[in-house]
PDB file of N, CA and C in Angstrom:
ATOM      1  N   UNK A   1      93.847 104.905  95.480  1.00  0.00           N
ATOM      2  CA  UNK A   1      93.917 104.309  96.189  1.00  0.00           C
ATOM      3  C   UNK A   1      93.050 103.704  95.949  1.00  0.00           C
ATOM      4  N   UNK A   2      92.689 102.317  96.227  1.00  0.00           N
ATOM      5  CA  UNK A   2      92.074 101.651  96.232  1.00  0.00           C
ATOM      6  C   UNK A   2      91.344 100.764  97.237  1.00  0.00           C
ATOM      7  N   UNK A   3      90.178 100.434  97.942  1.00  0.00           N
ATOM      8  CA  UNK A   3      89.589 100.330  98.828  1.00  0.00           C
ATOM      9  C   UNK A   3      90.014  99.356  99.195  1.00  0.00           C
ATOM     10  N   UNK A   4      89.656  98.338 100.351  1.00  0.00           N
ATOM     11  CA  UNK A   4      89.836  97.042 100.884  1.00  0.00           C
ATOM     12  C   UNK A   4      88.866  96.506 100.002  1.00  0.00           C
ATOM     13  N   UNK A   5      89.216  95.529  99.487  1.00  0.00           N
ATOM     14  CA  UNK A   5      88.717  94.397  98.280  1.00  0.00           C
ATOM     15  C   UNK A   5      88.298  94.858  97.380  1.00  0.00           C
ATOM     16  N   UNK A   6      88.531  95.693  96.706  1.00  0.00           N
ATOM     17  CA  UNK A   6      88.725  96.346  95.751  1.00  0.00           C
ATOM     18  C   UNK A   6      90.724  96.405  94.931  1.00  0.00           C
ATOM     19  N   UNK A   7      90.269  95.382  93.341  1.00  0.00           N
ATOM     20  CA  UNK A   7      90.908  95.033  92.392  1.00  0.00           C
ATOM     21  C   UNK A   7      91.020  96.609  90.865  1.00  0.00           C
ATOM     22  N   UNK A   8      92.165  96.014  91.097  1.00  0.00           N
ATOM     23  CA  UNK A   8      92.793  96.909  89.971  1.00  0.00           C
ATOM     24  C   UNK A   8      94.701  96.115  89.278  1.00  0.00           C
ATOM     25  N   UNK A   9      94.658  96.971  88.045  1.00  0.00           N
ATOM     26  CA  UNK A   9      95.426  96.864  87.776  1.00  0.00           C
ATOM     27  C   UNK A   9      96.440  97.342  87.940  1.00  0.00           C
ATOM     28  N   UNK A  10      97.988  96.825  87.938  1.00  0.00           N
ATOM     29  CA  UNK A  10      99.260  97.502  88.495  1.00  0.00           C
ATOM     30  C   UNK A  10      99.878  98.599  86.911  1.00  0.00           C
ATOM     31  N   UNK A  11      99.461  99.760  86.274  1.00  0.00           N
ATOM     32  CA  UNK A  11      99.820 100.774  85.397  1.00  0.00           C
ATOM     33  C   UNK A  11     101.621 100.696  84.665  1.00  0.00           C
ATOM     34  N   UNK A  12     101.729 101.848  86.482  1.00  0.00           N
ATOM     35  CA  UNK A  12     103.029 102.269  86.024  1.00  0.00           C
ATOM     36  C   UNK A  12     104.092 102.772  87.748  1.00  0.00           C
ATOM     37  N   UNK A  13     104.820 102.339  87.761  1.00  0.00           N
ATOM     38  CA  UNK A  13     105.896 103.282  89.048  1.00  0.00           C
ATOM     39  C   UNK A  13     106.248 104.207  88.860  1.00  0.00           C
ATOM     40  N   UNK A  14     106.009 105.363  89.705  1.00  0.00           N
ATOM     41  CA  UNK A  14     106.313 106.488  89.825  1.00  0.00           C
ATOM     42  C   UNK A  14     107.529 106.699  90.547  1.00  0.00           C
ATOM     43  N   UNK A  15     107.958 105.864  91.394  1.00  0.00           N
ATOM     44  CA  UNK A  15     109.163 106.559  92.195  1.00  0.00           C
ATOM     45  C   UNK A  15     110.084 105.459  90.924  1.00  0.00           C
ATOM     46  N   UNK A  16     111.059 106.358  90.444  1.00  0.00           N
ATOM     47  CA  UNK A  16     112.111 104.933  89.806  1.00  0.00           C
ATOM     48  C   UNK A  16     112.342 103.745  90.844  1.00  0.00           C
ATOM     49  N   UNK A  17     113.393 104.502  91.402  1.00  0.00           N
ATOM     50  CA  UNK A  17     114.739 103.416  92.877  1.00  0.00           C
ATOM     51  C   UNK A  17     113.483 103.097  93.438  1.00  0.00           C
ATOM     52  N   UNK A  18     112.586 103.387  93.549  1.00  0.00           N
ATOM     53  CA  UNK A  18     110.710 102.123  94.438  1.00  0.00           C
ATOM     54  C   UNK A  18     110.695 101.102  93.298  1.00  0.00           C
ATOM     55  N   UNK A  19     111.105 101.306  92.208  1.00  0.00           N
ATOM     56  CA  UNK A  19     110.467 100.634  90.951  1.00  0.00           C
ATOM     57  C   UNK A  19     111.574  99.274  91.069  1.00  0.00           C
ATOM     58  N   UNK A  20     112.544  99.191  91.348  1.00  0.00           N
ATOM     59  CA  UNK A  20     112.910  97.392  91.266  1.00  0.00           C
ATOM     60  C   UNK A  20     112.577  96.916  92.773  1.00  0.00           C
ATOM     61  N   UNK A  21     112.736  97.623  93.253  1.00  0.00           N
ATOM     62  CA  UNK A  21     111.982  96.946  94.822  1.00  0.00           C
ATOM     63  C   UNK A  21     110.271  96.237  94.465  1.00  0.00           C
ATOM     64  N   UNK A  22     110.057  97.573  94.086  1.00  0.00           N
ATOM     65  CA  UNK A  22     109.033  96.662  93.902  1.00  0.00           C
ATOM     66  C   UNK A  22     108.688  95.672  92.305  1.00  0.00           C
ATOM     67  N   UNK A  23     109.040  95.374  91.460  1.00  0.00           N
ATOM     68  CA  UNK A  23     109.565  94.490  90.210  1.00  0.00           C
ATOM     69  C   UNK A  23     110.114  93.222  91.500  1.00  0.00           C
ATOM     70  N   UNK A  24     111.235  93.368  91.772  1.00  0.00           N
ATOM     71  CA  UNK A  24     111.535  92.142  92.994  1.00  0.00           C
ATOM     72  C   UNK A  24     110.426  91.526  94.032  1.00  0.00           C
ATOM     73  N   UNK A  25     110.109  91.911  94.325  1.00  0.00           N
ATOM     74  CA  UNK A  25     108.267  91.941  95.327  1.00  0.00           C
ATOM     75  C   UNK A  25     107.150  90.397  93.730  1.00  0.00           C
ATOM     76  N   UNK A  26     107.597  91.212  92.914  1.00  0.00           N
ATOM     77  CA  UNK A  26     106.863  90.835  92.260  1.00  0.00           C
ATOM     78  C   UNK A  26     105.127  91.847  91.634  1.00  0.00           C
ATOM     79  N   UNK A  27     105.873  92.527  92.401  1.00  0.00           N
ATOM     80  CA  UNK A  27     104.937  94.253  91.287  1.00  0.00           C
ATOM     81  C   UNK A  27     104.882  94.319  89.932  1.00  0.00           C
ATOM     82  N   UNK A  28     104.233  93.826  88.814  1.00  0.00           N
ATOM     83  CA  UNK A  28     104.613  93.841  87.317  1.00  0.00           C
ATOM     84  C   UNK A  28     103.176  94.567  86.681  1.00  0.00           C
ATOM     85  N   UNK A  29     103.702  95.348  85.778  1.00  0.00           N
ATOM     86  CA  UNK A  29     102.770  96.750  84.824  1.00  0.00           C
ATOM     87  C   UNK A  29     102.067  94.562  84.230  1.00  0.00           C
ATOM     88  N   UNK A  30     101.176  94.879  85.101  1.00  0.00           N
ATOM     89  CA  UNK A  30      99.894  94.138  83.880  1.00  0.00           C
ATOM     90  C   UNK A  30      99.034  92.910  86.147  1.00  0.00           C
ATOM     91  N   UNK A  31      99.996  93.044  86.234  1.00  0.00           N
ATOM     92  CA  UNK A  31      99.668  92.101  87.471  1.00  0.00           C
ATOM     93  C   UNK A  31      98.636  92.894  88.527  1.00  0.00           C
ATOM     94  N   UNK A  32      97.128  92.101  89.243  1.00  0.00           N
ATOM     95  CA  UNK A  32      96.571  92.446  89.656  1.00  0.00           C
ATOM     96  C   UNK A  32      96.534  92.787  90.720  1.00  0.00           C
ATOM     97  N   UNK A  33      95.546  93.809  91.512  1.00  0.00           N
ATOM     98  CA  UNK A  33      96.650  94.008  92.929  1.00  0.00           C
ATOM     99  C   UNK A  33      94.882  94.123  93.192  1.00  0.00           C
ATOM    100  N   UNK A  34      94.935  93.841  94.970  1.00  0.00           N
ATOM    101  CA  UNK A  34      93.717  93.930  95.710  1.00  0.00           C
ATOM    102  C   UNK A  34      94.158  93.883  96.773  1.00  0.00           C
ATOM    103  N   UNK A  35      93.721  95.560  97.693  1.00  0.00           N
ATOM    104  CA  UNK A  35      93.737  95.930  99.086  1.00  0.00           C
ATOM    105  C   UNK A  35      93.078  95.149  99.541  1.00  0.00           C
ATOM    106  N   UNK A  36      93.719  94.614 100.610  1.00  0.00           N
ATOM    107  CA  UNK A  36      93.808  93.283 102.012  1.00  0.00           C
ATOM    108  C   UNK A  36      93.238  94.528 103.100  1.00  0.00           C
ATOM    109  N   UNK A  37      93.931  94.645 103.465  1.00  0.00           N
ATOM    110  CA  UNK A  37      93.793  94.715 104.656  1.00  0.00           C
ATOM    111  C   UNK A  37      94.486  96.077 104.857  1.00  0.00           C
ATOM    112  N   UNK A  38      94.570  97.450 105.955  1.00  0.00           N
ATOM    113  CA  UNK A  38      94.754  98.563 106.967  1.00  0.00           C
ATOM    114  C   UNK A  38      95.318  98.201 108.293  1.00  0.00           C
ATOM    115  N   UNK A  39      96.384  98.499 108.342  1.00  0.00           N
ATOM    116  CA  UNK A  39      96.188  98.124 109.797  1.00  0.00           C
ATOM    117  C   UNK A  39      95.723  99.359 110.468  1.00  0.00           C
ATOM    118  N   UNK A  40      95.339  99.049 112.155  1.00  0.00           N
ATOM    119  CA  UNK A  40      94.483  99.636 112.499  1.00  0.00           C
ATOM    120  C   UNK A  40      94.716 101.353 112.554  1.00  0.00           C
ATOM    121  N   UNK A  41      96.107 101.722 112.778  1.00  0.00           N
ATOM    122  CA  UNK A  41      97.254 103.149 112.665  1.00  0.00           C
ATOM    123  C   UNK A  41      96.527 104.033 111.109  1.00  0.00           C
ATOM    124  N   UNK A  42      96.238 102.893 110.481  1.00  0.00           N
ATOM    125  CA  UNK A  42      96.348 103.754 108.834  1.00  0.00           C
ATOM    126  C   UNK A  42      97.214 102.929 108.208  1.00  0.00           C
ATOM    127  N   UNK A  43      98.369 102.601 108.985  1.00  0.00           N
ATOM    128  CA  UNK A  43      99.966 102.366 108.250  1.00  0.00           C
ATOM    129  C   UNK A  43     100.416 100.802 108.960  1.00  0.00           C
ATOM    130  N   UNK A  44     101.019 100.068 108.198  1.00  0.00           N
ATOM    131  CA  UNK A  44     101.227  99.547 106.563  1.00  0.00           C
ATOM    132  C   UNK A  44     100.042  99.209 106.083  1.00  0.00           C
ATOM    133  N   UNK A  45      99.968  98.540 104.791  1.00  0.00           N
ATOM    134  CA  UNK A  45      98.952  98.251 104.051  1.00  0.00           C
ATOM    135  C   UNK A  45      99.348  96.782 103.518  1.00  0.00           C
ATOM    136  N   UNK A  46      98.173  95.669 103.642  1.00  0.00           N
ATOM    137  CA  UNK A  46      98.145  94.838 102.511  1.00  0.00           C
ATOM    138  C   UNK A  46      97.431  94.144 101.809  1.00  0.00           C
ATOM    139  N   UNK A  47      98.728  93.675 100.217  1.00  0.00           N
ATOM    140  CA  UNK A  47      97.838  94.319  99.599  1.00  0.00           C
ATOM    141  C   UNK A  47      98.111  92.862  98.974  1.00  0.00           C
ATOM    142  N   UNK A  48      97.409  91.833  97.847  1.00  0.00           N
ATOM    143  CA  UNK A  48      97.483  90.850  97.495  1.00  0.00           C
ATOM    144  C   UNK A  48      98.082  90.747  95.944  1.00  0.00           C
ATOM    145  N   UNK A  49      99.104  89.962  95.638  1.00  0.00           N
ATOM    146  CA  UNK A  49      99.759  91.111  93.858  1.00  0.00           C
ATOM    147  C   UNK A  49      99.751  89.418  93.251  1.00  0.00           C
ATOM    148  N   UNK A  50      98.751  88.955  92.249  1.00  0.00           N
ATOM    149  CA  UNK A  50      99.196  87.756  91.718  1.00  0.00           C
ATOM    150  C   UNK A  50      98.629  86.568  92.862  1.00  0.00           C
ATOM    151  N   UNK A  51      99.466  85.800  93.261  1.00  0.00           N
ATOM    152  CA  UNK A  51      99.162  84.934  94.180  1.00  0.00           C
ATOM    153  C   UNK A  51     100.052  85.362  95.659  1.00  0.00           C
ATOM    154  N   UNK A  52      99.983  86.384  95.755  1.00  0.00           N
ATOM    155  CA  UNK A  52     101.475  86.625  96.477  1.00  0.00           C
ATOM    156  C   UNK A  52     100.206  87.448  97.536  1.00  0.00           C
ATOM    157  N   UNK A  53     101.010  87.727  98.433  1.00  0.00           N
ATOM    158  CA  UNK A  53     100.118  89.005  99.867  1.00  0.00           C
ATOM    159  C   UNK A  53     101.712  89.730  99.809  1.00  0.00           C
ATOM    160  N   UNK A  54     101.499  91.029 100.296  1.00  0.00           N
ATOM    161  CA  UNK A  54     103.018  91.920 100.373  1.00  0.00           C
ATOM    162  C   UNK A  54     102.721  92.847 101.628  1.00  0.00           C
ATOM    163  N   UNK A  55     103.307  93.112 102.531  1.00  0.00           N
ATOM    164  CA  UNK A  55     102.760  94.623 103.496  1.00  0.00           C
ATOM    165  C   UNK A  55     104.189  95.257 103.487  1.00  0.00           C
ATOM    166  N   UNK A  56     103.276  96.992 103.030  1.00  0.00           N
ATOM    167  CA  UNK A  56     104.168  97.669 102.268  1.00  0.00           C
ATOM    168  C   UNK A  56     103.538  99.151 103.420  1.00  0.00           C
ATOM    169  N   UNK A  57     104.283 100.051 103.286  1.00  0.00           N
ATOM    170  CA  UNK A  57     103.966 101.552 103.545  1.00  0.00           C
ATOM    171  C   UNK A  57     102.919 102.416 102.860  1.00  0.00           C
ATOM    172  N   UNK A  58     102.207 102.908 102.800  1.00  0.00           N
ATOM    173  CA  UNK A  58     101.312 103.536 102.666  1.00  0.00           C
ATOM    174  C   UNK A  58     102.441 104.119 101.647  1.00  0.00           C
ATOM    175  N   UNK A  59     103.280 104.721 101.998  1.00  0.00           N
ATOM    176  CA  UNK A  59     103.671 106.127 101.182  1.00  0.00           C
ATOM    177  C   UNK A  59     104.637 104.820  99.474  1.00  0.00           C
ATOM    178  N   UNK A  60     105.179 104.170 100.162  1.00  0.00           N
ATOM    179  CA  UNK A  60     105.293 102.886  99.285  1.00  0.00           C
ATOM    180  C   UNK A  60     104.878 103.105  97.979  1.00  0.00           C
ATOM    181  N   UNK A  61     103.485 102.457  98.285  1.00  0.00           N
ATOM    182  CA  UNK A  61     101.666 102.291  97.487  1.00  0.00           C
ATOM    183  C   UNK A  61     101.550 103.097  97.245  1.00  0.00           C
ATOM    184  N   UNK A  62     101.737 104.250  97.179  1.00  0.00           N
ATOM    185  CA  UNK A  62     101.677 105.789  96.761  1.00  0.00           C
ATOM    186  C   UNK A  62     102.659 105.489  95.332  1.00  0.00           C
ATOM    187  N   UNK A  63     103.481 105.151  95.175  1.00  0.00           N
ATOM    188  CA  UNK A  63     104.173 105.053  93.949  1.00  0.00           C
ATOM    189  C   UNK A  63     103.829 104.103  92.693  1.00  0.00           C
ATOM    190  N   UNK A  64     102.896 103.475  93.203  1.00  0.00           N
ATOM    191  CA  UNK A  64     102.413 102.291  91.949  1.00  0.00           C
ATOM    192  C   UNK A  64     100.842 102.908  91.980  1.00  0.00           C
ATOM    193  N   UNK A  65     100.940 103.565  90.517  1.00  0.00           N
ATOM    194  CA  UNK A  65     100.157 104.144  89.916  1.00  0.00           C
ATOM    195  C   UNK A  65      98.931 102.306  88.850  1.00  0.00           C
ATOM    196  N   UNK A  66      97.307 102.825  89.509  1.00  0.00           N
ATOM    197  CA  UNK A  66      96.781 101.412  89.354  1.00  0.00           C
ATOM    198  C   UNK A  66      95.244 101.699  88.750  1.00  0.00           C
ATOM    199  N   UNK A  67      95.340 100.926  87.508  1.00  0.00           N
ATOM    200  CA  UNK A  67      93.873 101.360  87.229  1.00  0.00           C
ATOM    201  C   UNK A  67      93.097 100.968  87.548  1.00  0.00           C
ATOM    202  N   UNK A  68      91.911 100.776  88.168  1.00  0.00           N
ATOM    203  CA  UNK A  68      90.436 100.657  89.698  1.00  0.00           C
ATOM    204  C   UNK A  68      89.599  99.364  88.380  1.00  0.00           C
ATOM    205  N   UNK A  69      89.860  98.160  88.703  1.00  0.00           N
ATOM    206  CA  UNK A  69      89.294  97.205  87.802  1.00  0.00           C
ATOM    207  C   UNK A  69      87.999  96.646  88.527  1.00  0.00           C
ATOM    208  N   UNK A  70      87.513  96.745  89.721  1.00  0.00           N
ATOM    209  CA  UNK A  70      86.508  96.089  89.670  1.00  0.00           C
ATOM    210  C   UNK A  70      86.756  95.929  91.312  1.00  0.00           C
ATOM    211  N   UNK A  71      85.258  95.804  91.933  1.00  0.00           N
ATOM    212  CA  UNK A  71      84.917  95.715  93.706  1.00  0.00           C
ATOM    213  C   UNK A  71      84.879  94.625  94.339  1.00  0.00           C
ATOM    214  N   UNK A  72      86.443  93.268  94.196  1.00  0.00           N
ATOM    215  CA  UNK A  72      86.346  92.643  94.777  1.00  0.00           C
ATOM    216  C   UNK A  72      84.898  91.068  95.387  1.00  0.00           C
ATOM    217  N   UNK A  73      84.781  92.076  96.342  1.00  0.00           N
ATOM    218  CA  UNK A  73      84.226  91.774  97.807  1.00  0.00           C
ATOM    219  C   UNK A  73      82.910  92.819  97.766  1.00  0.00           C
TER     220      UNK A  73
END
């Protein structure tokens, strides 16, 4: 999992059922992804995919396979 401010590239999805939901939200393989924020209790999280900000549960985000690219901040 990425740390806050770290940037990665979406590689694939582990859960076929959630993959359609991810695709509809703009989470496409090859797209950059950045972890922006984590809620005080640890769930949900806010991510930036391309130019969009999305919130999702950590359990859902765990289904996205990401290749680490860099520390954005």
